[in-house]
Protein backbone atom coordinates (compact mmCIF):
# COMPACT_ATOMS: atom_id res chain seq x y z
CA MET A 1 0.00 -0.12 0.00
CA SER A 2 1.15 3.62 -0.56
CA SER A 3 0.03 4.98 2.86
CA THR A 4 3.33 4.03 4.63
CA PRO A 5 5.80 5.77 1.80
CA GLN A 6 3.39 8.76 1.69
CA ALA A 7 3.63 9.18 5.32
CA THR A 8 7.54 8.95 5.53
CA ARG A 9 7.80 11.49 2.89
CA HIS A 10 5.78 14.05 5.10
CA GLU A 11 7.70 13.33 8.06
CA PRO A 12 10.39 16.39 8.89
CA PRO A 13 13.43 16.14 6.82
CA VAL A 14 16.10 16.17 9.80
CA PRO A 15 14.67 14.92 12.98
CA ALA A 16 16.22 16.24 16.16
CA ALA A 17 15.71 13.18 17.92
CA GLU A 18 17.63 11.50 15.17
CA ALA A 19 20.95 12.92 16.11
CA THR A 20 23.39 10.13 17.75
CA LYS A 21 26.63 12.38 17.98
CA LEU A 22 27.20 16.11 18.33
CA SER A 23 28.14 16.75 14.71
CA GLU A 24 24.54 15.75 13.71
CA LEU A 25 23.33 18.20 15.62
CA SER A 26 21.42 21.52 14.26
CA PRO A 27 22.38 24.92 14.48
CA GLN A 28 18.91 25.84 16.38
CA GLN A 29 19.92 22.73 18.90
CA TRP A 30 23.55 24.40 19.39
CA LYS A 31 22.25 27.64 19.83
CA SER A 32 19.38 26.58 22.47
CA GLY A 33 21.80 24.55 24.13
CA ILE A 34 24.34 27.19 24.81
CA ALA A 35 21.65 29.81 25.54
CA ALA A 36 20.15 27.47 28.14
CA TRP A 37 23.98 26.42 29.76
CA LEU A 38 24.90 30.14 30.16
CA GLY A 39 21.51 30.88 31.61
CA TRP A 40 21.97 28.32 34.20
CA LEU A 41 25.94 29.25 34.57
CA PHE A 42 24.66 32.93 35.48
CA ASP A 43 22.23 31.54 37.56
CA GLY A 44 24.54 29.60 39.59
CA LEU A 45 26.76 32.65 39.96
CA GLU A 46 24.00 34.71 41.68
CA LEU A 47 22.20 32.18 43.27
CA HIS A 48 24.87 31.69 46.05
CA LEU A 49 26.38 35.17 46.08
CA TYR A 50 24.27 36.09 48.88
CA THR A 51 24.68 32.49 50.79
CA LEU A 52 28.68 33.23 50.74
CA VAL A 53 28.45 36.63 52.14
CA ALA A 54 25.02 36.56 54.12
CA LEU A 55 26.84 37.00 57.69
CA PRO A 56 29.19 39.96 56.88
CA PHE A 57 26.65 41.90 54.74
CA VAL A 58 23.61 41.51 56.64
CA MET A 59 26.12 42.56 60.12
CA GLN A 60 26.80 45.64 57.99
CA LEU A 61 23.45 46.69 57.12
CA LEU A 62 22.24 46.08 60.43
CA HIS A 63 25.44 48.42 61.87
CA THR A 64 26.43 45.37 64.40
CA THR A 65 29.70 43.78 64.97
CA ASP A 66 28.48 41.09 67.08
CA SER A 67 28.21 38.01 64.88
CA SER A 68 25.80 36.23 67.72
CA ASN A 69 23.09 38.78 66.87
CA PRO A 70 20.11 37.18 66.90
CA ALA A 71 18.86 39.80 64.92
CA ILE A 72 21.70 38.49 62.24
CA LYS A 73 20.10 34.81 62.14
CA GLU A 74 16.53 36.53 62.06
CA LYS A 75 17.04 39.04 59.22
CA SER A 76 19.19 36.47 57.09
CA ALA A 77 16.48 33.88 57.30
CA TYR A 78 13.91 36.55 56.01
CA ILE A 79 15.96 37.87 53.20
CA GLN A 80 16.48 33.82 51.81
CA ALA A 81 13.09 33.21 52.65
CA ALA A 82 11.95 35.98 50.52
CA PHE A 83 14.37 34.70 47.65
CA LEU A 84 13.11 31.41 47.50
CA VAL A 85 9.43 32.66 47.18
CA GLY A 86 10.32 34.89 44.82
CA TRP A 87 12.04 31.91 42.75
CA ALA A 88 8.66 30.12 43.23
CA LEU A 89 6.65 32.69 41.77
CA GLY A 90 8.76 33.66 39.07
CA GLY A 91 8.73 29.97 38.18
CA ALA A 92 5.04 29.92 37.55
CA PHE A 93 4.83 33.44 36.15
CA PHE A 94 7.31 32.91 33.56
CA GLY A 95 6.41 29.23 33.37
CA ARG A 96 3.31 30.47 32.35
CA LEU A 97 4.78 32.94 30.00
CA GLY A 98 6.70 30.55 28.23
CA ASP A 99 3.94 28.77 26.97
CA LEU A 100 1.95 31.65 25.82
CA ILE A 101 4.64 34.00 24.27
CA GLY A 102 7.36 31.42 23.64
CA ARG A 103 10.41 29.88 25.21
CA SER A 104 13.05 32.28 23.39
CA ARG A 105 11.27 35.45 24.56
CA SER A 106 10.57 34.41 28.14
CA LEU A 107 14.12 33.57 28.31
CA ALA A 108 15.56 36.70 27.58
CA LEU A 109 12.96 38.62 30.03
CA THR A 110 14.12 36.03 32.65
CA ILE A 111 17.41 36.80 32.69
CA ILE A 112 17.22 40.54 32.23
CA THR A 113 15.20 40.42 35.49
CA TYR A 114 17.50 38.68 37.55
CA ALA A 115 20.85 40.28 36.24
CA LEU A 116 19.82 43.99 36.85
CA CYS A 117 18.15 42.99 40.13
CA THR A 118 21.37 40.99 41.61
CA GLY A 119 23.59 43.94 40.35
CA LEU A 120 21.15 46.59 42.61
CA CYS A 121 21.80 44.55 45.59
CA SER A 122 25.03 46.11 45.97
CA PHE A 123 23.29 49.54 46.64
CA ALA A 124 21.04 48.07 49.54
CA GLN A 125 21.13 50.55 52.55
CA THR A 126 18.75 48.41 54.51
CA TRP A 127 18.28 44.68 55.23
CA TRP A 128 14.71 44.82 53.78
CA GLN A 129 15.87 46.57 50.65
CA LEU A 130 18.05 44.06 50.13
CA MET A 131 15.20 41.50 50.60
CA ILE A 132 12.99 43.06 48.19
CA PHE A 133 16.07 43.17 45.46
CA ARG A 134 16.79 39.60 46.05
CA PHE A 135 12.81 38.79 45.63
CA VAL A 136 12.64 40.53 42.30
CA ALA A 137 16.13 38.90 40.92
CA ALA A 138 14.80 35.22 42.25
CA LEU A 139 11.69 36.09 39.90
CA GLY A 140 14.03 35.68 36.98
CA ILE A 141 15.94 33.18 38.23
CA GLY A 142 12.91 30.62 38.99
CA GLY A 143 11.63 31.58 35.40
CA GLU A 144 14.81 30.45 33.91
CA TRP A 145 14.74 27.65 34.89
CA ALA A 146 11.32 26.59 33.49
CA VAL A 147 11.51 27.95 30.12
CA GLY A 148 15.51 27.07 29.58
CA ALA A 149 14.42 23.15 30.80
CA SER A 150 11.27 23.42 28.32
CA LEU A 151 13.51 24.79 25.62
CA LEU A 152 15.92 21.97 25.89
CA SER A 153 13.63 19.46 26.24
CA GLU A 154 11.91 20.23 22.73
CA THR A 155 14.77 20.85 20.62
CA TRP A 156 17.44 18.54 21.77
CA PRO A 157 17.45 14.28 21.09
CA LYS A 158 15.52 12.65 23.93
CA ALA A 159 17.65 9.80 24.24
CA TRP A 160 20.37 12.23 25.73
CA ARG A 161 18.16 13.59 27.92
CA PRO A 162 20.09 12.29 31.44
CA TRP A 163 23.13 13.69 30.00
CA MET A 164 21.77 16.86 29.02
CA ALA A 165 20.62 17.30 32.52
CA ALA A 166 24.08 16.77 33.67
CA VAL A 167 25.62 19.37 31.69
CA LEU A 168 22.95 21.97 32.17
CA GLN A 169 23.23 21.52 35.88
CA THR A 170 26.81 21.36 35.95
CA GLY A 171 26.32 25.06 34.44
CA VAL A 172 24.93 26.21 37.82
CA ASN A 173 27.68 24.38 39.76
CA ILE A 174 30.32 26.26 37.55
CA GLY A 175 28.79 29.49 38.00
CA VAL A 176 28.96 28.61 41.88
CA LEU A 177 32.31 27.66 41.66
CA ALA A 178 32.77 31.05 39.96
CA GLY A 179 31.25 33.17 42.28
CA ALA A 180 33.21 31.49 45.22
CA VAL A 181 36.58 32.41 43.55
CA PHE A 182 35.48 35.76 42.91
CA VAL A 183 34.19 36.12 46.34
CA GLY A 184 37.51 34.56 48.02
CA LEU A 185 39.41 36.92 45.66
CA LEU A 186 37.47 40.18 46.52
CA VAL A 187 37.71 39.30 50.24
CA ARG A 188 41.29 39.28 50.29
CA HIS A 189 42.08 42.26 48.07
CA THR A 190 39.86 44.74 49.12
CA PRO A 191 39.40 46.43 52.87
CA ALA A 192 36.37 44.78 55.29
CA GLY A 193 32.85 45.69 54.18
CA SER A 194 33.29 45.20 50.68
CA GLU A 195 31.06 42.40 50.34
CA ARG A 196 28.41 44.03 49.24
CA TRP A 197 29.92 44.69 45.71
CA VAL A 198 30.32 41.04 44.60
CA PHE A 199 26.36 41.56 43.40
CA LEU A 200 27.63 43.68 40.81
CA ILE A 201 28.73 40.96 38.78
CA GLY A 202 25.25 40.02 38.29
CA VAL A 203 24.82 42.43 35.89
CA LEU A 204 26.77 40.40 33.17
CA PRO A 205 23.92 38.22 32.27
CA ALA A 206 21.90 40.87 30.47
CA LEU A 207 24.29 40.98 27.59
CA LEU A 208 23.05 37.29 26.91
CA VAL A 209 19.70 38.71 26.16
CA PHE A 210 20.84 40.19 23.14
CA TRP A 211 22.16 37.28 21.47
CA ILE A 212 19.47 35.02 22.67
CA ARG A 213 16.58 37.28 20.93
CA ARG A 214 18.80 37.37 17.59
CA HIS A 215 20.31 34.06 17.41
CA VAL A 216 17.62 31.38 19.46
CA PRO A 217 14.25 30.64 17.39
CA GLU A 218 11.38 29.37 19.13
CA PRO A 219 11.26 25.40 19.22
CA GLU A 220 9.29 23.88 16.39
CA ALA A 221 7.01 21.63 19.19
CA TRP A 222 6.00 25.21 20.66
CA GLN A 223 5.05 26.65 17.35
CA LYS A 224 2.50 23.82 15.78
CA ALA A 225 1.15 23.04 18.97
CA GLY A 226 0.17 26.77 19.11
CA ILE A 227 -1.11 26.64 15.22
CA SER A 228 -2.92 23.15 16.40
CA VAL A 229 -5.54 24.42 18.82
CA GLU A 230 -7.91 27.04 18.85
CA LYS A 231 -7.44 28.22 22.50
CA LYS A 232 -4.35 27.92 24.77
CA PRO A 233 -5.26 25.81 28.07
CA GLY A 234 -5.39 27.57 31.14
CA ALA A 235 -3.09 26.98 34.35
CA LEU A 236 -5.61 25.43 35.98
CA ALA A 237 -5.61 22.36 33.29
CA LEU A 238 -2.69 21.40 35.41
CA PHE A 239 -5.25 20.31 38.08
CA ARG A 240 -7.71 18.07 36.07
CA GLY A 241 -7.84 14.83 34.70
CA GLN A 242 -4.70 12.77 34.32
CA VAL A 243 -2.47 15.73 34.58
CA LEU A 244 -3.47 16.11 38.26
CA ALA A 245 -2.00 13.15 39.53
CA ILE A 246 1.42 14.28 37.89
CA THR A 247 1.36 17.86 39.42
CA LEU A 248 0.57 16.84 42.84
CA ARG A 249 3.12 13.65 43.12
CA THR A 250 6.13 16.00 41.45
CA THR A 251 5.18 19.20 43.56
CA LEU A 252 5.51 17.15 46.88
CA VAL A 253 9.02 15.58 45.86
CA CYS A 254 9.95 19.01 44.88
CA ALA A 255 8.78 20.29 48.07
CA LEU A 256 10.55 18.30 50.33
CA GLY A 257 14.00 17.43 48.32
CA LEU A 258 14.21 21.86 47.70
CA SER A 259 13.41 22.13 51.17
CA ALA A 260 16.07 20.15 52.54
CA TRP A 261 18.63 21.06 49.79
CA TRP A 262 18.28 24.92 50.67
CA LEU A 263 18.36 24.47 54.41
CA PHE A 264 21.66 22.23 53.72
CA LEU A 265 23.24 24.94 51.89
CA PHE A 266 22.47 27.78 53.98
CA TRP A 267 22.91 26.41 57.33
CA GLN A 268 26.09 24.23 56.70
CA THR A 269 27.74 27.66 55.28
CA GLN A 270 26.64 29.21 58.72
CA HIS A 271 27.73 26.06 60.71
CA LEU A 272 31.21 26.26 59.06
CA ARG A 273 31.59 30.21 59.79
CA LYS A 274 30.67 29.56 63.51
CA LEU A 275 33.47 26.50 63.40
CA LEU A 276 35.75 29.38 62.30
CA THR A 277 34.67 32.01 64.57
CA ASP A 278 34.96 29.95 67.58
CA ALA A 279 38.58 28.99 66.91
CA GLN A 280 39.26 33.17 66.46
CA THR A 281 40.06 32.67 62.77
CA PRO A 282 40.33 36.28 61.17
CA SER A 283 37.19 37.46 59.02
CA ALA A 284 39.10 37.83 56.03
CA GLU A 285 40.36 34.21 56.26
CA THR A 286 37.30 32.73 57.23
CA THR A 287 35.31 33.79 54.27
CA GLY A 288 38.28 32.50 52.21
CA LEU A 289 38.10 28.98 53.88
CA VAL A 290 34.16 28.81 53.71
CA SER A 291 34.41 29.71 49.85
CA ALA A 292 37.28 26.99 49.69
CA ALA A 293 34.73 24.78 51.44
CA PHE A 294 31.95 25.55 49.04
CA PHE A 295 34.46 25.03 45.79
CA ALA A 296 34.99 21.51 47.04
CA PHE A 297 31.51 20.86 47.78
CA ASN A 298 30.21 22.32 44.05
CA PHE A 299 32.97 20.31 42.27
CA ALA A 300 31.40 17.10 44.15
CA SER A 301 28.21 18.19 42.85
CA ILE A 302 29.62 18.53 39.12
CA ILE A 303 30.24 14.89 39.49
CA GLY A 304 27.12 13.83 40.96
CA ASN A 305 25.34 15.54 38.24
CA PHE A 306 26.90 12.67 35.55
CA GLY A 307 26.82 9.94 38.19
CA ALA A 308 22.87 10.77 38.67
CA GLY A 309 22.41 10.52 34.79
CA TRP A 310 24.34 7.46 34.73
CA MET A 311 22.12 6.01 37.24
CA ALA A 312 19.06 7.66 35.22
CA LYS A 313 20.02 5.72 32.17
CA ARG A 314 19.80 2.65 33.76
CA LEU A 315 17.22 2.59 36.36
CA GLY A 316 14.98 5.24 35.19
CA ASN A 317 14.21 8.51 36.57
CA ARG A 318 12.26 7.70 39.74
CA ARG A 319 14.20 5.03 41.03
CA ALA A 320 17.56 7.58 40.61
CA ILE A 321 15.84 10.32 41.97
CA ALA A 322 14.86 8.13 45.19
CA LEU A 323 18.07 6.54 45.53
CA MET A 324 20.20 10.28 45.23
CA PHE A 325 18.10 11.44 48.12
CA VAL A 326 18.64 8.26 50.08
CA GLY A 327 22.30 9.41 49.78
CA LEU A 328 21.68 12.85 50.71
CA ALA A 329 19.67 12.35 53.58
CA LEU A 330 22.62 9.58 54.53
CA GLY A 331 25.50 11.80 53.75
CA ILE A 332 23.61 15.16 55.78
CA PHE A 333 23.00 12.79 59.00
CA GLY A 334 26.70 11.55 58.85
CA ALA A 335 28.03 14.86 58.92
CA TYR A 336 26.34 16.21 61.51
CA VAL A 337 25.41 13.32 63.74
CA VAL A 338 28.42 14.07 65.93
CA PRO A 339 30.49 17.24 66.27
CA ARG A 340 32.94 17.63 63.75
CA ASP A 341 35.94 20.04 63.03
CA PHE A 342 35.87 22.26 60.04
CA ALA A 343 38.28 20.19 57.86
CA THR A 344 36.47 17.04 58.31
CA LEU A 345 33.10 18.71 57.43
CA ALA A 346 34.75 20.86 54.58
CA TRP A 347 36.88 18.21 52.72
CA PHE A 348 35.05 14.84 53.45
CA TRP A 349 31.38 15.31 54.78
CA LEU A 350 30.04 17.96 52.32
CA PRO A 351 31.44 16.86 49.21
CA ILE A 352 29.42 13.47 50.06
CA GLY A 353 26.32 15.53 50.16
CA GLY A 354 27.28 17.45 47.29
CA PHE A 355 27.67 14.71 45.15
CA PHE A 356 24.22 13.37 45.76
CA GLY A 357 22.90 17.13 45.44
CA GLY A 358 23.32 16.15 41.55
CA VAL A 359 19.42 14.54 41.86
CA PHE A 360 18.47 18.02 40.95
CA GLY A 361 19.97 17.98 37.83
CA LEU A 362 17.68 15.03 36.97
CA PHE A 363 14.39 17.35 37.53
CA THR A 364 15.79 19.55 34.56
CA MET A 365 14.96 16.96 31.73
CA TYR A 366 12.40 14.70 33.76
CA LEU A 367 9.49 17.41 34.53
CA PRO A 368 8.84 19.25 30.98
CA PRO A 369 8.27 16.24 29.23
CA LEU A 370 5.31 15.08 31.73
CA PHE A 371 3.16 17.77 30.60
CA PRO A 372 1.51 18.45 27.45
CA THR A 373 3.27 20.90 24.88
CA LEU A 374 1.54 24.12 26.01
CA LEU A 375 1.59 23.48 29.85
CA ARG A 376 4.92 22.03 29.51
CA THR A 377 6.83 25.25 31.13
CA THR A 378 3.80 25.86 33.21
CA GLY A 379 4.28 22.64 34.58
CA ALA A 380 7.60 22.53 34.94
CA GLY A 381 7.78 25.98 36.93
CA PHE A 382 5.09 25.19 39.44
CA CYS A 383 5.92 21.86 40.18
CA TYR A 384 9.58 22.63 41.02
CA ASN A 385 9.37 26.23 42.00
CA ILE A 386 6.63 25.74 43.99
CA GLY A 387 8.93 23.66 46.39
CA ARG A 388 10.53 26.92 47.08
CA ILE A 389 7.54 28.14 49.10
CA ALA A 390 7.93 25.12 51.40
CA ALA A 391 11.48 25.41 51.48
CA ALA A 392 10.99 29.45 52.28
CA ALA A 393 9.04 28.53 54.79
CA ALA A 394 11.32 25.66 56.33
CA SER A 395 14.05 28.59 56.50
CA ILE A 396 11.97 30.91 58.60
CA ILE A 397 10.89 27.99 60.90
CA PHE A 398 14.49 26.77 61.21
CA GLY A 399 15.80 30.67 61.28
CA LEU A 400 13.32 31.58 64.64
CA LEU A 401 13.09 27.67 66.40
CA ALA A 402 16.57 26.50 66.20
CA PRO A 403 18.65 27.34 68.74
CA ILE A 404 20.92 30.26 68.44
CA GLY A 405 24.49 29.02 66.80
CA ASP A 406 23.13 25.42 67.31
CA PHE A 407 23.30 24.68 63.31
CA ARG A 408 24.15 21.15 64.12
CA GLY A 409 21.02 20.31 65.09
CA ALA A 410 18.73 21.89 62.64
CA LEU A 411 20.99 20.18 60.08
CA LEU A 412 20.35 16.68 61.51
CA TRP A 413 16.39 17.88 61.13
CA VAL A 414 17.07 18.48 57.32
CA SER A 415 18.27 14.83 56.73
CA VAL A 416 15.17 13.72 58.06
CA ILE A 417 13.43 15.62 55.16
CA ALA A 418 15.83 14.63 52.66
CA ALA A 419 14.68 10.89 53.49
CA ALA A 420 10.95 11.99 53.50
CA ALA A 421 11.76 13.14 49.44
CA ALA A 422 13.28 9.78 49.00
CA LEU A 423 10.23 7.95 49.97
CA CYS A 424 7.76 10.03 47.88
CA SER A 425 9.95 9.45 44.78
CA CYS A 426 8.75 6.00 44.82
CA TRP A 427 5.39 7.17 43.76
CA LEU A 428 6.68 9.57 40.92
CA PRO A 429 5.10 9.17 37.57
CA GLU A 430 6.90 7.65 34.43
CA ARG A 431 4.45 8.59 31.94
CA THR A 432 4.88 11.53 29.43
CA HIS A 433 3.04 13.58 27.30
CA GLU A 434 5.66 13.90 24.31
CA ASN A 435 3.24 13.15 21.47
CA GLU A 436 0.43 15.18 22.53
CA ALA A 437 -0.02 18.78 21.18
CA THR A 438 -2.09 20.20 24.33
């Protein structure tokens, strides 16, 4: 019969999913990949600038030199919580925008938002001004994750997704490492109180916007999906039919996992600072050592990204995510179950936690295909970034309830949250909406 050849002739001449090596990738795939990776790189750079300089910067804004002042921990927690709430809302808002106006356009908007507002952090005169600037910057960072993830999932080969997720997440880690190096150099070669100026480096990503708008086209899948329907589905479609179960299950895992991760990231840095302060280490040297520990931690995370990708290729995303969360829970518990010195934590236990933090790279390529095309950035942005709301609440609760200076006790509870994320991961969905238009 002639129907089969006829159908074959109407297939796209260069199907992206057919590529088996880098030389077969199209210019569009390269451009979308570079744009997303650079977005992730600058995300990582700007995500952790505050984490690295939170204590001295907030002390400066509060006009105090007493690092044990309870107000420092309280205001730091509020600022961090506002950032996480902004991340969540940005993921939902720009995720929705990505489905409505396109991935490339939305990606450019997210980058310009977080670049300019990160730069403004340098000029904050009060702690609440810093909180506002961090909140708005986080809107863009949260949106960039959702939009960039969908852009790649729709343009690069499906079989490459575990490795694409690892490479993309590595952009975040390299950005974090660059931030650690930058902060370390700044505090060593500038007068005390110069920590605020690290945020000026955040303006650099704004230059990327012009290249994206000129060279990165909208994915063909998004364009075709928009043509094939009379009306695009609303955000409430996430809570109807078969999509509802996907939304609820993935949101629960993201909420637990991201709460554990962000509490771990923030409070372990403060714990390291406390250990060095108790040992009467000079301020500049303390920041340098914490930055170096952060460097080792994130280098381990880069290895963990590819470890998670390897596991996903062999076991599937659901099992890989669950096992990586188990490792994260055990790593955090082992680090803080007994008092340990700075060297033991920084050069052995924290890199273990960093390795299992590679689990979050898997969500990049795992979440978008779970949803229909015109709900892809909306769904991925909502489920992943709404977890920041839970993380924000956890940051405030830990900041208010944890005994002053007892970061180790608080971090033990973080390991319990990570264990809960591992358990709930067993019910994550595997089915995708790859071939659906809406």
